[in-house]
Each structure stands twice: as structure tokens, then as C-alpha cells.
Amino acid sequence: MTVKISNKIVGYRVKKADTDAASAQPAAQPESSLVKMNEYIERPEFLVGTTYKIKPPVAEHAMYITINDIVLNEDTDHESRQPYEVFINSKSMEHFQWVIALTRVISAVFRKGGDLTFLVEELRSVYDPNGGYFKKGGVFMPSLVAEIGAVIEKHLKAVGLMESEEMSETTKRILAEKRAEFEANNAKATNDDKAGDFPPNATMCGKCSTKAVIVMDGCATCLSCGDSKCG
């Protein structure tokens, strides 16, 4: 485009192409302006919640665990869901006092922000002096508190705050083949003897606490997580 200069030139400067491009682009949102979870964030009127149902054999009635999340940096590239509070409801009043105390402490930890994985580790390491129990699927729970910790772990993975250890398709296929071969070799076991989703004579895995370890060709392998003594 041709521009006609009618006035006297009193000065000049060279305009670079990269300067034009930089000025045309909006400035990126600085890291310091991002809203991070902390105890000073006020509770909004609307929270996104998820409810999990558990039925431990040590409790008379089912327990419903509701975890509400707050949405931070909404409608931006840094949008995230952070747990804000937890509630546990049940018809049974047997564990009422310590359940209420536990939910208040966990909710306070949620509002502090930061890494929450330590909370899962602490809860899952609580052992009942009367012994634990196997939940549906053959997964061993050392205590009711540990199962609550397992629910929180599941929720943290769902909102992206913890990574899920997914097995590859090849590993899943190999485990399926091993399971089919093992069950074929032990077809004499009746359906009444089966417990959970794995062979009745399987033993507990030290890695995932699931009663799913079988021995084939002298090698102990877990059909749930794929852990094997033979590498």
C-alpha cells in the first residue's frame, strides 16, 4: 500500500516484523494470576459433586461418600477441579462420631490445597485390630478407614490429581490367556467355591491387595494388576 507523505520528515525508526507479531498477540496469562487451591477461597453456592456407595461387611448398612469439587480458573486453559469437602452418610449410627470427625479433617485438608496423595497413603495404611475384610472383587481392605481412602484415591484419579496405573493391552491379553488356561486346568472347582471375580484358590497379591495370584509353570502372577515374581 502506497502512502503519500505531505509533511516534512523530522525523524524515523525501523519497525521489525516480529515486533508487529508480538504486539498483535494477546499477552499470556502470568502464572502468578492463576487461582490455586487454598484455605482462603470462599465456598461458592454451586459445587460439582460425586457420590460413591460402599457396603463393607463390618457395617450394618451401606455408606454413601460424597465428594464435592470446586472449579478453579473456569473457562481458561488452566481450568481444574479440586476437592473441597466430603460427606459420609449412612443409616447406621455405629460409627457416627468418628466418621463426622474424619470428614471434617479431610475437608480441611482438601481446602489447604497442594499434593493430596499423602492423605490417601495415610488412610489406606490404617489397620483394624480385629482384622480386615475382602470387598467385592476379592480386594482386601485392612479397615473401613482404608476403604474410605480407596474411594478418595479413585476420585482423585477421576479428576486428574493422581495418575492411574493402566496396564497395556498386551499385558491384559496375556493375563486373560493365563486365566483361561488356569481355569481350564482347574475345571473341577465348583461355582460355589468361587469368591469374587478370580479363581477360588487364588492367593492375595502383595501389590494390589487383591485375591488374584495364581501359580502357573512355577511362576506366581497376579491376574488383577499383572505383578509377577518372574518379572
C-alpha atoms as a PDB file:
ATOM      1  CA  MET A   1       0.000   0.000   0.000  1.00  0.00           C
ATOM      2  CA  THR A   2       1.431   3.369  -1.082  1.00  0.00           C
ATOM      3  CA  VAL A   3       1.396   6.213   1.474  1.00  0.00           C
ATOM      4  CA  LYS A   4       1.904   9.796   0.327  1.00  0.00           C
ATOM      5  CA  ILE A   5       3.962  11.970   2.701  1.00  0.00           C
ATOM      6  CA  SER A   6       2.931  15.603   2.509  1.00  0.00           C
ATOM      7  CA  ASN A   7       4.688  16.943   5.639  1.00  0.00           C
ATOM      8  CA  LYS A   8       8.381  17.387   6.374  1.00  0.00           C
ATOM      9  CA  ILE A   9      10.138  14.313   7.782  1.00  0.00           C
ATOM     10  CA  VAL A  10      11.646  15.097  11.213  1.00  0.00           C
ATOM     11  CA  GLY A  11      12.647  11.579  12.305  1.00  0.00           C
ATOM     12  CA  TYR A  12      12.291   7.883  11.564  1.00  0.00           C
ATOM     13  CA  ARG A  13      12.766   4.371  13.020  1.00  0.00           C
ATOM     14  CA  VAL A  14      12.828   0.832  11.565  1.00  0.00           C
ATOM     15  CA  LYS A  15       9.840  -1.313  12.509  1.00  0.00           C
ATOM     16  CA  LYS A  16      10.604  -5.056  12.745  1.00  0.00           C
ATOM     17  CA  ALA A  17       8.162  -7.744  11.621  1.00  0.00           C
ATOM     18  CA  ASP A  18       8.486  -9.807  14.838  1.00  0.00           C
ATOM     19  CA  THR A  19       7.618  -6.717  16.886  1.00  0.00           C
ATOM     20  CA  ASP A  20       4.338  -6.373  14.989  1.00  0.00           C
ATOM     21  CA  ALA A  21       3.507 -10.037  15.565  1.00  0.00           C
ATOM     22  CA  ALA A  22       4.269  -9.816  19.282  1.00  0.00           C
ATOM     23  CA  SER A  23       2.149  -6.708  19.734  1.00  0.00           C
ATOM     24  CA  ALA A  24      -0.751  -8.269  17.827  1.00  0.00           C
ATOM     25  CA  GLN A  25      -0.900 -11.348  20.096  1.00  0.00           C
ATOM     26  CA  PRO A  26      -2.588 -11.022  23.496  1.00  0.00           C
ATOM     27  CA  ALA A  27      -0.300 -11.409  26.470  1.00  0.00           C
ATOM     28  CA  ALA A  28      -0.288 -14.873  28.057  1.00  0.00           C
ATOM     29  CA  GLN A  29      -1.829 -15.199  31.477  1.00  0.00           C
ATOM     30  CA  PRO A  30       1.016 -14.987  34.014  1.00  0.00           C
ATOM     31  CA  GLU A  31       1.470 -17.912  36.366  1.00  0.00           C
ATOM     32  CA  SER A  32       1.028 -15.635  39.384  1.00  0.00           C
ATOM     33  CA  SER A  33      -2.519 -14.698  38.342  1.00  0.00           C
ATOM     34  CA  LEU A  34      -3.746 -18.315  38.329  1.00  0.00           C
ATOM     35  CA  VAL A  35      -6.105 -19.200  41.160  1.00  0.00           C
ATOM     36  CA  LYS A  36      -4.719 -22.057  43.231  1.00  0.00           C
ATOM     37  CA  MET A  37      -6.481 -24.016  45.937  1.00  0.00           C
ATOM     38  CA  ASN A  38      -6.027 -22.510  49.393  1.00  0.00           C
ATOM     39  CA  GLU A  39      -7.951 -22.200  52.648  1.00  0.00           C
ATOM     40  CA  TYR A  40      -8.945 -18.582  51.934  1.00  0.00           C
ATOM     41  CA  ILE A  41     -11.110 -19.442  48.915  1.00  0.00           C
ATOM     42  CA  GLU A  42     -14.726 -18.982  49.933  1.00  0.00           C
ATOM     43  CA  ARG A  43     -17.194 -21.751  49.266  1.00  0.00           C
ATOM     44  CA  PRO A  44     -19.286 -20.919  46.173  1.00  0.00           C
ATOM     45  CA  GLU A  45     -23.019 -21.561  46.099  1.00  0.00           C
ATOM     46  CA  PHE A  46     -22.584 -24.309  43.493  1.00  0.00           C
ATOM     47  CA  LEU A  47     -20.158 -27.250  43.681  1.00  0.00           C
ATOM     48  CA  VAL A  48     -19.767 -30.293  41.435  1.00  0.00           C
ATOM     49  CA  GLY A  49     -20.283 -33.481  43.471  1.00  0.00           C
ATOM     50  CA  THR A  50     -19.830 -37.240  43.064  1.00  0.00           C
ATOM     51  CA  THR A  51     -21.305 -39.870  45.398  1.00  0.00           C
ATOM     52  CA  TYR A  52     -19.754 -43.311  45.919  1.00  0.00           C
ATOM     53  CA  LYS A  53     -21.523 -46.232  47.609  1.00  0.00           C
ATOM     54  CA  ILE A  54     -19.672 -48.808  49.681  1.00  0.00           C
ATOM     55  CA  LYS A  55     -21.071 -51.763  51.640  1.00  0.00           C
ATOM     56  CA  PRO A  56     -18.343 -53.056  53.973  1.00  0.00           C
ATOM     57  CA  PRO A  57     -19.171 -56.275  55.841  1.00  0.00           C
ATOM     58  CA  VAL A  58     -18.147 -54.613  59.119  1.00  0.00           C
ATOM     59  CA  ALA A  59     -21.038 -52.136  58.858  1.00  0.00           C
ATOM     60  CA  GLU A  60     -24.732 -52.959  59.091  1.00  0.00           C
ATOM     61  CA  HIS A  61     -25.775 -50.539  56.348  1.00  0.00           C
ATOM     62  CA  ALA A  62     -24.196 -49.117  53.196  1.00  0.00           C
ATOM     63  CA  MET A  63     -22.239 -45.885  53.379  1.00  0.00           C
ATOM     64  CA  TYR A  64     -22.508 -43.066  50.847  1.00  0.00           C
ATOM     65  CA  ILE A  65     -19.395 -40.938  50.369  1.00  0.00           C
ATOM     66  CA  THR A  66     -19.984 -37.603  48.607  1.00  0.00           C
ATOM     67  CA  ILE A  67     -17.003 -35.538  47.455  1.00  0.00           C
ATOM     68  CA  ASN A  68     -17.726 -32.008  46.218  1.00  0.00           C
ATOM     69  CA  ASP A  69     -15.269 -30.253  43.881  1.00  0.00           C
ATOM     70  CA  ILE A  70     -14.661 -26.579  43.255  1.00  0.00           C
ATOM     71  CA  VAL A  71     -13.819 -25.458  39.689  1.00  0.00           C
ATOM     72  CA  LEU A  72     -10.776 -23.182  39.547  1.00  0.00           C
ATOM     73  CA  ASN A  73      -9.769 -20.919  36.620  1.00  0.00           C
ATOM     74  CA  GLU A  74     -13.060 -21.649  34.885  1.00  0.00           C
ATOM     75  CA  ASP A  75     -13.220 -21.156  31.099  1.00  0.00           C
ATOM     76  CA  THR A  76      -9.422 -20.908  30.784  1.00  0.00           C
ATOM     77  CA  ASP A  77      -6.687 -23.284  29.653  1.00  0.00           C
ATOM     78  CA  HIS A  78      -5.864 -23.854  33.334  1.00  0.00           C
ATOM     79  CA  GLU A  79      -9.335 -24.947  34.421  1.00  0.00           C
ATOM     80  CA  SER A  80      -9.212 -27.699  37.045  1.00  0.00           C
ATOM     81  CA  ARG A  81     -11.400 -29.464  39.599  1.00  0.00           C
ATOM     82  CA  GLN A  82     -10.173 -29.553  43.173  1.00  0.00           C
ATOM     83  CA  PRO A  83     -11.852 -31.478  46.030  1.00  0.00           C
ATOM     84  CA  TYR A  84     -13.364 -29.025  48.506  1.00  0.00           C
ATOM     85  CA  GLU A  85     -15.369 -31.071  51.011  1.00  0.00           C
ATOM     86  CA  VAL A  86     -16.506 -34.615  51.793  1.00  0.00           C
ATOM     87  CA  PHE A  87     -19.628 -36.012  53.463  1.00  0.00           C
ATOM     88  CA  ILE A  88     -20.346 -39.576  54.594  1.00  0.00           C
ATOM     89  CA  ASN A  89     -23.938 -40.653  55.221  1.00  0.00           C
ATOM     90  CA  SER A  90     -25.379 -43.950  56.445  1.00  0.00           C
ATOM     91  CA  LYS A  91     -28.417 -45.313  58.248  1.00  0.00           C
ATOM     92  CA  SER A  92     -26.090 -46.876  60.799  1.00  0.00           C
ATOM     93  CA  MET A  93     -25.174 -44.686  63.782  1.00  0.00           C
ATOM     94  CA  GLU A  94     -22.482 -47.080  64.991  1.00  0.00           C
ATOM     95  CA  HIS A  95     -19.560 -45.118  63.509  1.00  0.00           C
ATOM     96  CA  PHE A  96     -21.244 -41.682  63.624  1.00  0.00           C
ATOM     97  CA  GLN A  97     -18.792 -39.774  65.849  1.00  0.00           C
ATOM     98  CA  TRP A  98     -15.514 -40.742  64.228  1.00  0.00           C
ATOM     99  CA  VAL A  99     -16.985 -40.546  60.713  1.00  0.00           C
ATOM    100  CA  ILE A 100     -18.061 -36.926  61.293  1.00  0.00           C
ATOM    101  CA  ALA A 101     -14.648 -36.096  62.755  1.00  0.00           C
ATOM    102  CA  LEU A 102     -12.882 -37.768  59.817  1.00  0.00           C
ATOM    103  CA  THR A 103     -14.917 -35.893  57.190  1.00  0.00           C
ATOM    104  CA  ARG A 104     -14.175 -32.544  58.831  1.00  0.00           C
ATOM    105  CA  VAL A 105     -10.443 -33.221  58.962  1.00  0.00           C
ATOM    106  CA  ILE A 106     -10.363 -34.455  55.350  1.00  0.00           C
ATOM    107  CA  SER A 107     -12.372 -31.427  54.168  1.00  0.00           C
ATOM    108  CA  ALA A 108      -9.898 -29.121  55.927  1.00  0.00           C
ATOM    109  CA  VAL A 109      -7.000 -30.874  54.154  1.00  0.00           C
ATOM    110  CA  PHE A 110      -8.825 -30.507  50.816  1.00  0.00           C
ATOM    111  CA  ARG A 111      -9.177 -26.741  51.311  1.00  0.00           C
ATOM    112  CA  LYS A 112      -5.493 -26.380  52.142  1.00  0.00           C
ATOM    113  CA  GLY A 113      -4.630 -27.433  48.582  1.00  0.00           C
ATOM    114  CA  GLY A 114      -1.309 -28.878  47.478  1.00  0.00           C
ATOM    115  CA  ASP A 115      -0.458 -32.549  46.999  1.00  0.00           C
ATOM    116  CA  LEU A 116      -3.237 -34.788  48.391  1.00  0.00           C
ATOM    117  CA  THR A 117      -1.633 -38.153  47.684  1.00  0.00           C
ATOM    118  CA  PHE A 118      -0.256 -38.343  51.242  1.00  0.00           C
ATOM    119  CA  LEU A 119      -3.838 -38.362  52.536  1.00  0.00           C
ATOM    120  CA  VAL A 120      -4.648 -41.490  50.522  1.00  0.00           C
ATOM    121  CA  GLU A 121      -1.493 -43.221  51.753  1.00  0.00           C
ATOM    122  CA  GLU A 122      -2.244 -42.421  55.395  1.00  0.00           C
ATOM    123  CA  LEU A 123      -5.860 -43.606  55.232  1.00  0.00           C
ATOM    124  CA  ARG A 124      -5.053 -46.804  53.344  1.00  0.00           C
ATOM    125  CA  SER A 125      -2.385 -47.738  55.894  1.00  0.00           C
ATOM    126  CA  VAL A 126      -4.882 -47.840  58.811  1.00  0.00           C
ATOM    127  CA  TYR A 127      -5.394 -51.420  60.039  1.00  0.00           C
ATOM    128  CA  ASP A 128      -8.316 -52.724  62.071  1.00  0.00           C
ATOM    129  CA  PRO A 129      -7.072 -54.663  65.143  1.00  0.00           C
ATOM    130  CA  ASN A 130      -9.933 -57.128  64.586  1.00  0.00           C
ATOM    131  CA  GLY A 131      -8.690 -57.867  61.072  1.00  0.00           C
ATOM    132  CA  GLY A 132      -9.665 -56.555  57.658  1.00  0.00           C
ATOM    133  CA  TYR A 133     -12.085 -57.900  55.074  1.00  0.00           C
ATOM    134  CA  PHE A 134     -12.415 -58.706  51.388  1.00  0.00           C
ATOM    135  CA  LYS A 135     -14.693 -56.420  49.411  1.00  0.00           C
ATOM    136  CA  LYS A 136     -16.494 -57.424  46.227  1.00  0.00           C
ATOM    137  CA  GLY A 137     -13.985 -58.492  43.579  1.00  0.00           C
ATOM    138  CA  GLY A 138     -11.599 -60.079  46.072  1.00  0.00           C
ATOM    139  CA  VAL A 139      -9.808 -56.832  47.042  1.00  0.00           C
ATOM    140  CA  PHE A 140      -8.563 -56.868  50.635  1.00  0.00           C
ATOM    141  CA  MET A 141      -9.278 -53.855  52.816  1.00  0.00           C
ATOM    142  CA  PRO A 142      -7.372 -53.670  56.129  1.00  0.00           C
ATOM    143  CA  SER A 143     -10.051 -51.445  57.664  1.00  0.00           C
ATOM    144  CA  LEU A 144     -13.133 -49.326  56.973  1.00  0.00           C
ATOM    145  CA  VAL A 145     -10.942 -46.216  57.045  1.00  0.00           C
ATOM    146  CA  ALA A 146      -8.741 -47.789  54.373  1.00  0.00           C
ATOM    147  CA  GLU A 147     -11.767 -48.294  52.113  1.00  0.00           C
ATOM    148  CA  ILE A 148     -12.694 -44.623  52.550  1.00  0.00           C
ATOM    149  CA  GLY A 149      -9.121 -43.832  51.496  1.00  0.00           C
ATOM    150  CA  ALA A 150      -9.563 -46.070  48.440  1.00  0.00           C
ATOM    151  CA  VAL A 151     -12.672 -44.081  47.456  1.00  0.00           C
ATOM    152  CA  ILE A 152     -10.778 -40.796  47.782  1.00  0.00           C
ATOM    153  CA  GLU A 153      -7.969 -42.257  45.658  1.00  0.00           C
ATOM    154  CA  LYS A 154     -10.494 -43.252  42.982  1.00  0.00           C
ATOM    155  CA  HIS A 155     -11.919 -39.715  42.979  1.00  0.00           C
ATOM    156  CA  LEU A 156      -8.503 -38.052  42.757  1.00  0.00           C
ATOM    157  CA  LYS A 157      -7.719 -40.207  39.726  1.00  0.00           C
ATOM    158  CA  ALA A 158     -11.073 -39.277  38.170  1.00  0.00           C
ATOM    159  CA  VAL A 159     -10.386 -35.514  38.432  1.00  0.00           C
ATOM    160  CA  GLY A 160      -6.789 -35.880  37.234  1.00  0.00           C
ATOM    161  CA  LEU A 161      -4.929 -35.221  40.501  1.00  0.00           C
ATOM    162  CA  MET A 162      -3.459 -38.738  40.575  1.00  0.00           C
ATOM    163  CA  GLU A 163      -2.225 -40.870  37.716  1.00  0.00           C
ATOM    164  CA  SER A 164      -3.845 -44.230  37.027  1.00  0.00           C
ATOM    165  CA  GLU A 165      -1.543 -47.191  36.502  1.00  0.00           C
ATOM    166  CA  GLU A 166      -3.126 -48.641  33.390  1.00  0.00           C
ATOM    167  CA  MET A 167      -1.914 -51.966  32.018  1.00  0.00           C
ATOM    168  CA  SER A 168      -1.082 -52.183  28.345  1.00  0.00           C
ATOM    169  CA  GLU A 169      -3.348 -54.118  26.003  1.00  0.00           C
ATOM    170  CA  THR A 170      -0.612 -56.729  25.573  1.00  0.00           C
ATOM    171  CA  THR A 171      -0.416 -57.317  29.335  1.00  0.00           C
ATOM    172  CA  LYS A 172      -4.209 -57.564  29.574  1.00  0.00           C
ATOM    173  CA  ARG A 173      -4.262 -60.131  26.759  1.00  0.00           C
ATOM    174  CA  ILE A 174      -1.517 -62.243  28.380  1.00  0.00           C
ATOM    175  CA  LEU A 175      -3.324 -62.209  31.733  1.00  0.00           C
ATOM    176  CA  ALA A 176      -6.598 -63.201  30.063  1.00  0.00           C
ATOM    177  CA  GLU A 177      -4.869 -66.129  28.376  1.00  0.00           C
ATOM    178  CA  LYS A 178      -3.246 -67.222  31.652  1.00  0.00           C
ATOM    179  CA  ARG A 179      -6.555 -67.011  33.468  1.00  0.00           C
ATOM    180  CA  ALA A 180      -8.364 -69.060  30.824  1.00  0.00           C
ATOM    181  CA  GLU A 181      -5.624 -71.714  30.892  1.00  0.00           C
ATOM    182  CA  PHE A 182      -5.604 -71.841  34.689  1.00  0.00           C
ATOM    183  CA  GLU A 183      -9.386 -72.202  34.929  1.00  0.00           C
ATOM    184  CA  ALA A 184      -9.327 -74.919  32.266  1.00  0.00           C
ATOM    185  CA  ASN A 185      -6.740 -76.872  34.247  1.00  0.00           C
ATOM    186  CA  ASN A 186      -8.794 -76.484  37.430  1.00  0.00           C
ATOM    187  CA  ALA A 187     -12.258 -77.110  35.993  1.00  0.00           C
ATOM    188  CA  LYS A 188     -13.149 -79.371  38.916  1.00  0.00           C
ATOM    189  CA  ALA A 189     -13.744 -76.360  41.159  1.00  0.00           C
ATOM    190  CA  THR A 190     -17.450 -75.690  41.546  1.00  0.00           C
ATOM    191  CA  ASN A 191     -19.123 -72.329  41.227  1.00  0.00           C
ATOM    192  CA  ASP A 192     -19.938 -72.394  44.929  1.00  0.00           C
ATOM    193  CA  ASP A 193     -16.252 -72.324  45.747  1.00  0.00           C
ATOM    194  CA  LYS A 194     -15.593 -69.187  43.728  1.00  0.00           C
ATOM    195  CA  ALA A 195     -15.137 -65.913  45.593  1.00  0.00           C
ATOM    196  CA  GLY A 196     -15.117 -62.655  43.676  1.00  0.00           C
ATOM    197  CA  ASP A 197     -14.018 -62.359  40.070  1.00  0.00           C
ATOM    198  CA  PHE A 198     -10.916 -64.563  40.268  1.00  0.00           C
ATOM    199  CA  PRO A 199     -10.211 -68.314  40.700  1.00  0.00           C
ATOM    200  CA  PRO A 200     -11.280 -69.651  44.130  1.00  0.00           C
ATOM    201  CA  ASN A 201      -7.816 -70.913  45.069  1.00  0.00           C
ATOM    202  CA  ALA A 202      -6.043 -67.659  44.165  1.00  0.00           C
ATOM    203  CA  THR A 203      -3.959 -66.005  46.869  1.00  0.00           C
ATOM    204  CA  MET A 204      -3.644 -62.358  47.842  1.00  0.00           C
ATOM    205  CA  CYS A 205      -1.351 -60.044  45.883  1.00  0.00           C
ATOM    206  CA  GLY A 206       1.108 -58.026  47.941  1.00  0.00           C
ATOM    207  CA  LYS A 207       0.982 -55.143  45.465  1.00  0.00           C
ATOM    208  CA  CYS A 208      -2.755 -54.513  44.873  1.00  0.00           C
ATOM    209  CA  SER A 209      -4.200 -56.466  47.866  1.00  0.00           C
ATOM    210  CA  THR A 210      -6.450 -58.480  45.552  1.00  0.00           C
ATOM    211  CA  LYS A 211      -7.018 -62.222  45.951  1.00  0.00           C
ATOM    212  CA  ALA A 212      -5.939 -62.914  42.378  1.00  0.00           C
ATOM    213  CA  VAL A 213      -2.463 -64.507  42.454  1.00  0.00           C
ATOM    214  CA  ILE A 214      -2.170 -67.861  40.686  1.00  0.00           C
ATOM    215  CA  VAL A 215       0.855 -70.092  40.096  1.00  0.00           C
ATOM    216  CA  MET A 216       1.461 -71.368  36.584  1.00  0.00           C
ATOM    217  CA  ASP A 217       4.650 -73.028  35.357  1.00  0.00           C
ATOM    218  CA  GLY A 218       6.271 -72.228  38.697  1.00  0.00           C
ATOM    219  CA  CYS A 219       5.566 -68.500  38.357  1.00  0.00           C
ATOM    220  CA  ALA A 220       3.241 -66.531  40.678  1.00  0.00           C
ATOM    221  CA  THR A 221       1.258 -63.956  38.703  1.00  0.00           C
ATOM    222  CA  CYS A 222      -1.496 -61.560  39.773  1.00  0.00           C
ATOM    223  CA  LEU A 223      -4.469 -61.573  37.390  1.00  0.00           C
ATOM    224  CA  SER A 224      -5.575 -58.156  38.660  1.00  0.00           C
ATOM    225  CA  CYS A 225      -2.530 -55.896  38.412  1.00  0.00           C
ATOM    226  CA  GLY A 226      -0.105 -58.130  36.460  1.00  0.00           C
ATOM    227  CA  ASP A 227       2.562 -58.259  39.173  1.00  0.00           C
ATOM    228  CA  SER A 228       4.771 -61.300  38.685  1.00  0.00           C
ATOM    229  CA  LYS A 229       7.623 -62.856  40.659  1.00  0.00           C
ATOM    230  CA  CYS A 230       9.229 -63.845  37.368  1.00  0.00           C
ATOM    231  CA  GLY A 231       9.484 -60.269  36.108  1.00  0.00           C
END
